[in-house]
Structures are given as C-alpha cells and as structure tokens.
Amino acid sequence: MKKLILGLILLLVGIAGVFYLSPAALVGSMRLVEQQLAGLDSKQLTVGDLSIHYYEGGPASAETLLLVHGFGADKDNWLRFARHFTSRYRVIALDLPGFGDSDKPHASYDVGTQAERLATFTQALGIQRLHLVGNSMGGHISALYAARYPEQVLSVGLFAPSGVQAPRKSEFFQRLEQGEANPLVARSTEDFQALLKLVFVEPPALPQGVTDYLAERSIANADHYQAVFEQLVTRYIPLEPELPRIKAPTLLLWGEQDRVLDVSSIEVMEPLLEHPSVVVMAHCGHAPMIERPEETATHYQAFLDALTPEQTGTPPEA
C-alpha cells in the first residue's frame, strides 16, 4: 500500500512538473476541460483550398448558433459562453481563416472576404438557417453576412462589433491617431499584458505560465496580425449602409467600459436596424463573453426567448 501511495504521489508530482515545464500542455489540458464542460467536439472541414477548424456540439437537429470571434482571437473565446447553449442548440464556433488552427495563407482577410468564406462554410455544413453571434471584427462580419443573406439568418447577436463611426472615439482609436503602435498587436510580453488590460476591465485569472504561453503565441503571429489589420483598414466596409438590410432581430450587446470600440456606437446602429434590442453591461470591457460569460449568456438567451415566429420567419409550432 505504501508503494502504491508513493507511486501515486510521484505520478502527480510528475504531471505537475510537466505542466510547470510545459505551459502548452497545461493550456491544452485546460482547453480540453472547457470543451468537455461545454459539450463541444473539435472538428475540421476543408472548404475550397482552406482547412477550417471548429467546435461543434448540441443536438444536430436543433437550431444552429454560429459563433464568430474577433481580431487576433480564435474559437476558444466562446468556450465558457457556449456551455450555456449546447443543451438546446447546435452550437458551432469556428476559427476564421487566418486565425487559430485554421489555415493562414497569404490572402485577403477583409471583412467582406471573410463574410463570403463564412457563407461557404455554412453551405458546406448544410446549414440553411442560423442564429449568428459575433464579437468585434466577428460582429462586423456577422452583420455583413446578415445583410447579404437575410433569408438564412434567424437572428443576429452583435457583441461590441466594429464597422461604424462611433460618436465618441475609443481609447484604441485615439492612440492610433496619435501615432502609437497598434495596441491589439503584441510584440512583447509587456505588450500582451497591456492588451489584456485594454480589452478587459477585469482580465481572466490565469496562471502566469499560461499567460506567458499565450503571449508567446500572440507575439509569434504579430506580423501576420498587423498585415490583417492593415487590410481591415484599407478595405474597410462601413456598416451604416448595410444595417438597414438586416431583417432579422438583432441584439446589440456592449460593455460599458469598452476601450477598444466605444459603446456610443449603439447610438449609430440602433436607429438603422429593423428589429434592434440593446444590452449594456456595466463594469465590462470589449469581450463580454469572456469577461462575464454567464451574464452574457443570460442576456443572449433572454433575447432568443423573446423572438417570435413572425420576426424570424419560422412557422409556429402546431
């Protein structure tokens, strides 16, 4: 018995040592746990000449929620949010081309191109109608998709989307106009820490080794991200002319202390939408589904529960 106990202790110490020496292993384990809690499986699909990686879970016959991440992010951003929906919905969160585990070819990454790639992705999966949710750049892409393919979209959730000229300039845009380096592109550990503080009011609590590993990954992609950002600027598609074309009910959800995209954007967007709903979360930053996933999910579920068959074009149940 003593040998067994000693063996277990040595095994646990060994595992802890692996995690301490290999933050990548710890991140991978944390991701797997979050996937299991969310009821999501990792999948891959080749669309055209691109390999797209995504999570999927929930009943295959249920209505689809498609989750679209923002700039410099990936499908993991949705894990804690998604766990609240996989019991009732087919939930899909993808890595957009150019991000996460999906292919990153030398190609176009403007929001218009990405919206068309998203349409090709949904077609490949056989999705005919869906609820779209996007954050930041992903919100911009989701809004374009809803404007271009209104017959496919049951509803749209836009969480602090880019794409409109806010009445008040955010700290992010003020810093760019002053000639500072792009604060969304980290080129050092210090940059990454500053990025977390810019995006969140209260950054997620993570072990230092994990934060350092995530910083290393972000730094390794810095040149790619800057190139993508420059395309977003030079090939910018304003949402103001597009929003009136969105026929689906649309939730505008924003963190009141968003320093990346100012909450005053709602003042521009709400009057242009046919069926808008608005939620502003106090003491919250640019990525509410990460900073406060449960509260964000509660607001979004309330939005879904309030949808009527007339709004979504869905035949009422017999």
Protein backbone atom coordinates (compact mmCIF):
# COMPACT_ATOMS: atom_id res chain seq x y z
CA MET A 1 0.00 0.00 0.00
CA LYS A 2 2.81 2.40 0.89
CA LYS A 3 4.42 1.72 -2.50
CA LEU A 4 1.10 2.41 -4.22
CA ILE A 5 0.63 5.70 -2.38
CA LEU A 6 4.22 6.68 -3.09
CA GLY A 7 3.74 5.80 -6.74
CA LEU A 8 0.62 7.96 -6.98
CA ILE A 9 2.42 10.85 -5.31
CA LEU A 10 5.33 10.55 -7.72
CA LEU A 11 2.89 10.37 -10.65
CA LEU A 12 1.07 13.53 -9.53
CA VAL A 13 4.36 15.30 -8.97
CA GLY A 14 5.49 14.22 -12.41
CA ILE A 15 2.27 15.50 -14.01
CA ALA A 16 2.57 18.79 -12.14
CA GLY A 17 6.17 19.03 -13.30
CA VAL A 18 5.16 18.52 -16.92
CA PHE A 19 2.56 21.27 -16.65
CA TYR A 20 5.04 23.58 -14.90
CA LEU A 21 7.73 22.98 -17.52
CA SER A 22 5.28 22.87 -20.43
CA PRO A 23 2.66 25.62 -20.34
CA ALA A 24 1.49 24.33 -23.73
CA ALA A 25 0.46 21.06 -22.08
CA LEU A 26 -1.37 22.97 -19.36
CA VAL A 27 -3.17 25.15 -21.92
CA GLY A 28 -4.12 22.05 -23.90
CA SER A 29 -5.50 20.36 -20.80
CA MET A 30 -7.45 23.45 -19.76
CA ARG A 31 -8.89 23.72 -23.27
CA LEU A 32 -9.94 20.06 -23.21
CA VAL A 33 -11.68 20.52 -19.86
CA GLU A 34 -13.51 23.60 -21.12
CA GLN A 35 -14.57 21.70 -24.26
CA GLN A 36 -15.95 18.87 -22.17
CA LEU A 37 -17.86 21.26 -19.91
CA ALA A 38 -19.28 22.99 -22.98
CA GLY A 39 -20.18 19.72 -24.70
CA LEU A 40 -18.13 20.62 -27.79
CA ASP A 41 -16.01 18.44 -30.07
CA SER A 42 -13.07 19.61 -32.18
CA LYS A 43 -13.66 19.21 -35.91
CA GLN A 44 -12.05 20.15 -39.20
CA LEU A 45 -13.52 20.84 -42.62
CA THR A 46 -11.81 21.58 -45.92
CA VAL A 47 -13.64 24.33 -47.79
CA GLY A 48 -12.16 25.04 -51.19
CA ASP A 49 -8.43 25.15 -50.54
CA LEU A 50 -8.75 26.13 -46.87
CA SER A 51 -8.71 23.92 -43.79
CA ILE A 52 -11.20 25.28 -41.25
CA HIS A 53 -11.10 24.13 -37.63
CA TYR A 54 -14.16 24.48 -35.42
CA TYR A 55 -16.00 23.28 -32.33
CA GLU A 56 -19.43 21.71 -32.59
CA GLY A 57 -21.87 20.38 -30.02
CA GLY A 58 -25.52 20.08 -29.09
CA PRO A 59 -28.42 18.32 -30.83
CA ALA A 60 -27.81 18.01 -34.58
CA SER A 61 -31.50 18.65 -35.28
CA ALA A 62 -31.71 21.82 -33.17
CA GLU A 63 -31.44 25.41 -34.39
CA THR A 64 -27.85 26.42 -35.10
CA LEU A 65 -25.89 29.07 -33.22
CA LEU A 66 -22.77 30.09 -35.16
CA LEU A 67 -20.18 31.97 -33.08
CA VAL A 68 -17.64 34.23 -34.81
CA HIS A 69 -14.58 35.53 -32.95
CA GLY A 70 -12.83 38.86 -33.30
CA PHE A 71 -9.43 40.12 -34.46
CA GLY A 72 -6.43 38.22 -33.09
CA ALA A 73 -8.73 35.74 -31.38
CA ASP A 74 -9.99 32.21 -32.03
CA LYS A 75 -12.80 29.75 -31.29
CA ASP A 76 -11.63 29.27 -27.68
CA ASN A 77 -13.08 32.70 -26.87
CA TRP A 78 -16.54 31.13 -26.90
CA LEU A 79 -15.99 28.05 -24.72
CA ARG A 80 -17.43 29.34 -21.44
CA PHE A 81 -20.27 31.14 -23.21
CA ALA A 82 -21.16 28.12 -25.35
CA ARG A 83 -21.67 25.74 -22.42
CA HIS A 84 -24.95 27.53 -21.66
CA PHE A 85 -26.45 26.66 -25.05
CA THR A 86 -25.39 23.18 -26.15
CA SER A 87 -28.31 21.53 -24.34
CA ARG A 88 -30.81 23.35 -26.56
CA TYR A 89 -28.95 24.39 -29.72
CA ARG A 90 -26.48 23.07 -32.25
CA VAL A 91 -23.51 25.30 -31.39
CA ILE A 92 -20.63 25.90 -33.79
CA ALA A 93 -17.61 28.12 -33.08
CA LEU A 94 -15.04 28.35 -35.86
CA ASP A 95 -11.52 29.62 -36.32
CA LEU A 96 -11.84 32.09 -39.16
CA PRO A 97 -9.23 31.63 -41.90
CA GLY A 98 -6.12 33.46 -40.76
CA PHE A 99 -6.71 32.72 -37.07
CA GLY A 100 -6.46 29.91 -34.55
CA ASP A 101 -5.84 26.48 -36.05
CA SER A 102 -7.34 27.30 -39.46
CA ASP A 103 -5.14 27.94 -42.49
CA LYS A 104 -3.33 31.26 -42.71
CA PRO A 105 -2.44 31.65 -46.39
CA HIS A 106 -1.16 34.84 -47.96
CA ALA A 107 -4.64 36.01 -48.91
CA SER A 108 -7.36 38.58 -48.31
CA TYR A 109 -8.73 38.89 -44.77
CA ASP A 110 -11.01 41.93 -45.08
CA VAL A 111 -14.48 41.55 -43.55
CA GLY A 112 -16.19 41.24 -46.93
CA THR A 113 -14.00 38.31 -47.96
CA GLN A 114 -14.42 36.66 -44.57
CA ALA A 115 -18.21 37.02 -44.76
CA GLU A 116 -18.18 35.12 -48.05
CA ARG A 117 -15.91 32.46 -46.57
CA LEU A 118 -18.36 32.14 -43.70
CA ALA A 119 -21.18 31.64 -46.19
CA THR A 120 -19.19 28.92 -47.95
CA PHE A 121 -18.50 27.26 -44.59
CA THR A 122 -22.18 27.18 -43.62
CA GLN A 123 -23.09 25.84 -47.05
CA ALA A 124 -20.52 23.04 -46.69
CA LEU A 125 -22.08 22.09 -43.35
CA GLY A 126 -25.56 22.09 -44.88
CA ILE A 127 -26.82 24.88 -42.61
CA GLN A 128 -29.88 26.51 -44.15
CA ARG A 129 -30.89 28.86 -41.32
CA LEU A 130 -28.97 30.00 -38.28
CA HIS A 131 -28.55 32.40 -35.40
CA LEU A 132 -25.33 34.41 -35.84
CA VAL A 133 -23.25 35.76 -32.96
CA GLY A 134 -20.09 37.80 -33.49
CA ASN A 135 -17.71 39.82 -31.34
CA SER A 136 -15.70 42.83 -32.56
CA MET A 137 -14.42 42.03 -36.08
CA GLY A 138 -16.58 38.90 -35.90
CA GLY A 139 -19.59 41.13 -35.27
CA HIS A 140 -18.72 43.20 -38.33
CA ILE A 141 -18.50 40.00 -40.41
CA SER A 142 -21.76 38.66 -38.93
CA ALA A 143 -23.62 41.90 -39.69
CA LEU A 144 -22.41 41.80 -43.30
CA TYR A 145 -23.48 38.17 -43.59
CA ALA A 146 -26.94 39.00 -42.24
CA ALA A 147 -27.27 41.89 -44.69
CA ARG A 148 -26.14 39.80 -47.67
CA TYR A 149 -28.02 36.59 -46.80
CA PRO A 150 -31.15 37.74 -44.92
CA GLU A 151 -33.12 34.61 -45.89
CA GLN A 152 -30.65 32.44 -43.92
CA VAL A 153 -30.48 34.41 -40.68
CA LEU A 154 -32.91 33.87 -37.83
CA SER A 155 -31.28 36.42 -35.53
CA VAL A 156 -28.02 38.31 -35.04
CA GLY A 157 -26.10 38.88 -31.82
CA LEU A 158 -23.53 41.64 -32.20
CA PHE A 159 -21.21 41.86 -29.19
CA ALA A 160 -19.28 45.15 -29.46
CA PRO A 161 -18.99 44.92 -33.25
CA SER A 162 -16.67 47.04 -35.35
CA GLY A 163 -17.88 48.74 -38.51
CA VAL A 164 -19.45 52.09 -37.56
CA GLN A 165 -18.11 55.53 -36.73
CA ALA A 166 -18.85 55.99 -33.05
CA PRO A 167 -19.88 59.47 -31.80
CA ARG A 168 -17.14 59.16 -29.17
CA LYS A 169 -13.74 57.85 -30.21
CA SER A 170 -12.46 54.98 -28.13
CA GLU A 171 -9.09 54.98 -26.43
CA PHE A 172 -7.90 52.49 -29.04
CA PHE A 173 -8.63 54.79 -31.98
CA GLN A 174 -7.29 57.83 -30.16
CA ARG A 175 -3.98 56.04 -29.63
CA LEU A 176 -3.78 55.02 -33.28
CA GLU A 177 -4.44 58.61 -34.38
CA GLN A 178 -1.64 59.78 -32.08
CA GLY A 179 0.75 57.53 -33.98
CA GLU A 180 1.14 54.79 -31.39
CA ALA A 181 1.82 51.21 -32.41
CA ASN A 182 -1.30 49.08 -32.76
CA PRO A 183 -2.14 48.06 -29.16
CA LEU A 184 -4.03 45.00 -30.45
CA VAL A 185 -0.80 43.55 -31.87
CA ALA A 186 1.56 42.32 -29.14
CA ARG A 187 5.28 42.26 -29.90
CA SER A 188 6.46 41.66 -26.33
CA THR A 189 5.20 40.18 -23.08
CA GLU A 190 4.61 43.71 -21.83
CA ASP A 191 2.52 44.46 -24.92
CA PHE A 192 0.41 41.37 -24.25
CA GLN A 193 -0.23 42.39 -20.65
CA ALA A 194 -1.23 45.86 -21.85
CA LEU A 195 -3.51 44.25 -24.45
CA LEU A 196 -5.33 42.29 -21.74
CA LYS A 197 -5.83 45.47 -19.72
CA LEU A 198 -7.16 47.28 -22.80
CA VAL A 199 -9.66 44.56 -23.67
CA PHE A 200 -10.92 43.69 -20.18
CA VAL A 201 -11.99 45.61 -17.12
CA GLU A 202 -11.03 42.51 -15.13
CA PRO A 203 -8.74 40.24 -17.18
CA PRO A 204 -9.33 36.50 -16.71
CA ALA A 205 -7.35 34.99 -13.85
CA LEU A 206 -4.76 32.69 -15.43
CA PRO A 207 -1.60 31.01 -14.13
CA GLN A 208 1.47 33.02 -15.07
CA GLY A 209 2.81 30.18 -17.20
CA VAL A 210 -0.39 30.13 -19.22
CA THR A 211 -0.35 33.90 -19.71
CA ASP A 212 3.28 33.72 -20.85
CA TYR A 213 2.45 30.94 -23.32
CA LEU A 214 -0.49 32.87 -24.76
CA ALA A 215 1.75 35.92 -25.03
CA GLU A 216 4.35 33.90 -26.95
CA ARG A 217 1.71 32.68 -29.41
CA SER A 218 0.41 36.21 -29.91
CA ILE A 219 3.92 37.60 -30.41
CA ALA A 220 4.71 34.86 -32.95
CA ASN A 221 1.70 35.99 -35.02
CA ALA A 222 2.37 39.73 -34.68
CA ASP A 223 3.45 40.37 -38.27
CA HIS A 224 0.52 38.36 -39.63
CA TYR A 225 -1.97 40.15 -37.39
CA GLN A 226 -0.61 43.56 -38.38
CA ALA A 227 -0.96 42.65 -42.05
CA VAL A 228 -4.55 41.54 -41.46
CA PHE A 229 -5.30 44.74 -39.55
CA GLU A 230 -3.96 46.86 -42.40
CA GLN A 231 -6.32 45.06 -44.76
CA LEU A 232 -9.22 45.74 -42.41
CA VAL A 233 -8.37 49.44 -42.58
CA THR A 234 -7.58 49.78 -46.30
CA ARG A 235 -10.51 47.57 -47.40
CA TYR A 236 -12.91 48.87 -44.78
CA ILE A 237 -16.62 48.26 -45.38
CA PRO A 238 -18.82 50.63 -43.33
CA LEU A 239 -21.86 49.06 -41.73
CA GLU A 240 -24.05 52.16 -41.81
CA PRO A 241 -25.39 51.40 -45.35
CA GLU A 242 -25.63 47.67 -44.57
CA LEU A 243 -27.57 47.67 -41.31
CA PRO A 244 -30.97 48.60 -42.82
CA ARG A 245 -30.70 45.48 -44.98
CA ILE A 246 -30.67 43.24 -41.90
CA LYS A 247 -34.21 41.92 -41.48
CA ALA A 248 -33.55 39.58 -38.55
CA PRO A 249 -33.93 40.64 -34.90
CA THR A 250 -30.58 41.99 -33.77
CA LEU A 251 -29.09 42.19 -30.28
CA LEU A 252 -26.52 44.91 -29.68
CA LEU A 253 -24.61 43.91 -26.54
CA TRP A 254 -21.76 46.08 -25.29
CA GLY A 255 -19.53 46.50 -22.27
CA GLU A 256 -20.00 49.98 -20.86
CA GLN A 257 -16.23 50.36 -20.26
CA ASP A 258 -15.18 49.13 -23.72
CA ARG A 259 -11.90 50.92 -24.52
CA VAL A 260 -11.49 49.29 -27.96
CA LEU A 261 -14.84 50.15 -29.58
CA ASP A 262 -16.84 52.77 -27.75
CA VAL A 263 -20.31 51.91 -26.50
CA SER A 264 -21.64 55.08 -28.18
CA SER A 265 -21.63 53.06 -31.41
CA ILE A 266 -25.06 51.86 -30.31
CA GLU A 267 -26.41 55.37 -30.96
CA VAL A 268 -25.50 54.93 -34.63
CA MET A 269 -26.55 51.31 -35.05
CA GLU A 270 -29.86 51.08 -33.23
CA PRO A 271 -31.84 53.51 -35.44
CA LEU A 272 -30.62 51.74 -38.60
CA LEU A 273 -31.83 48.27 -37.57
CA GLU A 274 -35.33 46.97 -38.23
CA HIS A 275 -35.64 44.91 -35.02
CA PRO A 276 -33.00 46.07 -32.51
CA SER A 277 -32.54 45.09 -28.89
CA VAL A 278 -29.87 46.66 -26.68
CA VAL A 279 -28.00 45.47 -23.60
CA VAL A 280 -25.18 47.45 -21.98
CA MET A 281 -23.21 45.59 -19.32
CA ALA A 282 -21.76 47.77 -16.57
CA HIS A 283 -18.14 47.32 -15.47
CA CYS A 284 -17.36 45.22 -18.55
CA GLY A 285 -14.96 45.60 -21.44
CA HIS A 286 -14.67 44.60 -25.08
CA ALA A 287 -15.19 40.81 -24.82
CA PRO A 288 -18.18 40.24 -22.51
CA MET A 289 -18.49 36.53 -23.42
CA ILE A 290 -15.02 36.01 -21.93
CA GLU A 291 -15.09 38.52 -19.08
CA ARG A 292 -18.58 37.63 -17.86
CA PRO A 293 -19.73 34.55 -19.82
CA GLU A 294 -22.67 33.55 -17.63
CA GLU A 295 -24.20 37.02 -17.53
CA THR A 296 -23.64 37.46 -21.27
CA ALA A 297 -25.30 34.10 -21.92
CA THR A 298 -28.27 35.08 -19.75
CA HIS A 299 -28.80 38.27 -21.76
CA TYR A 300 -28.45 36.43 -25.06
CA GLN A 301 -30.82 33.62 -24.03
CA ALA A 302 -33.41 36.22 -22.99
CA PHE A 303 -33.07 37.74 -26.46
CA LEU A 304 -33.58 34.33 -28.10
CA ASP A 305 -36.56 33.53 -25.86
CA ALA A 306 -38.25 36.77 -26.88
CA LEU A 307 -38.07 36.02 -30.61
CA THR A 308 -41.39 35.47 -32.33
CA PRO A 309 -42.11 33.31 -35.42
CA GLU A 310 -43.13 36.49 -37.27
CA GLN A 311 -39.71 38.06 -36.60
CA THR A 312 -37.65 35.01 -37.59
CA GLY A 313 -39.88 33.80 -40.40
CA THR A 314 -40.22 30.45 -38.65
CA PRO A 315 -43.58 28.64 -38.87
CA PRO A 316 -45.18 28.43 -35.41
CA GLU A 317 -45.29 25.02 -33.77
CA ALA A 318 -48.51 23.09 -34.17
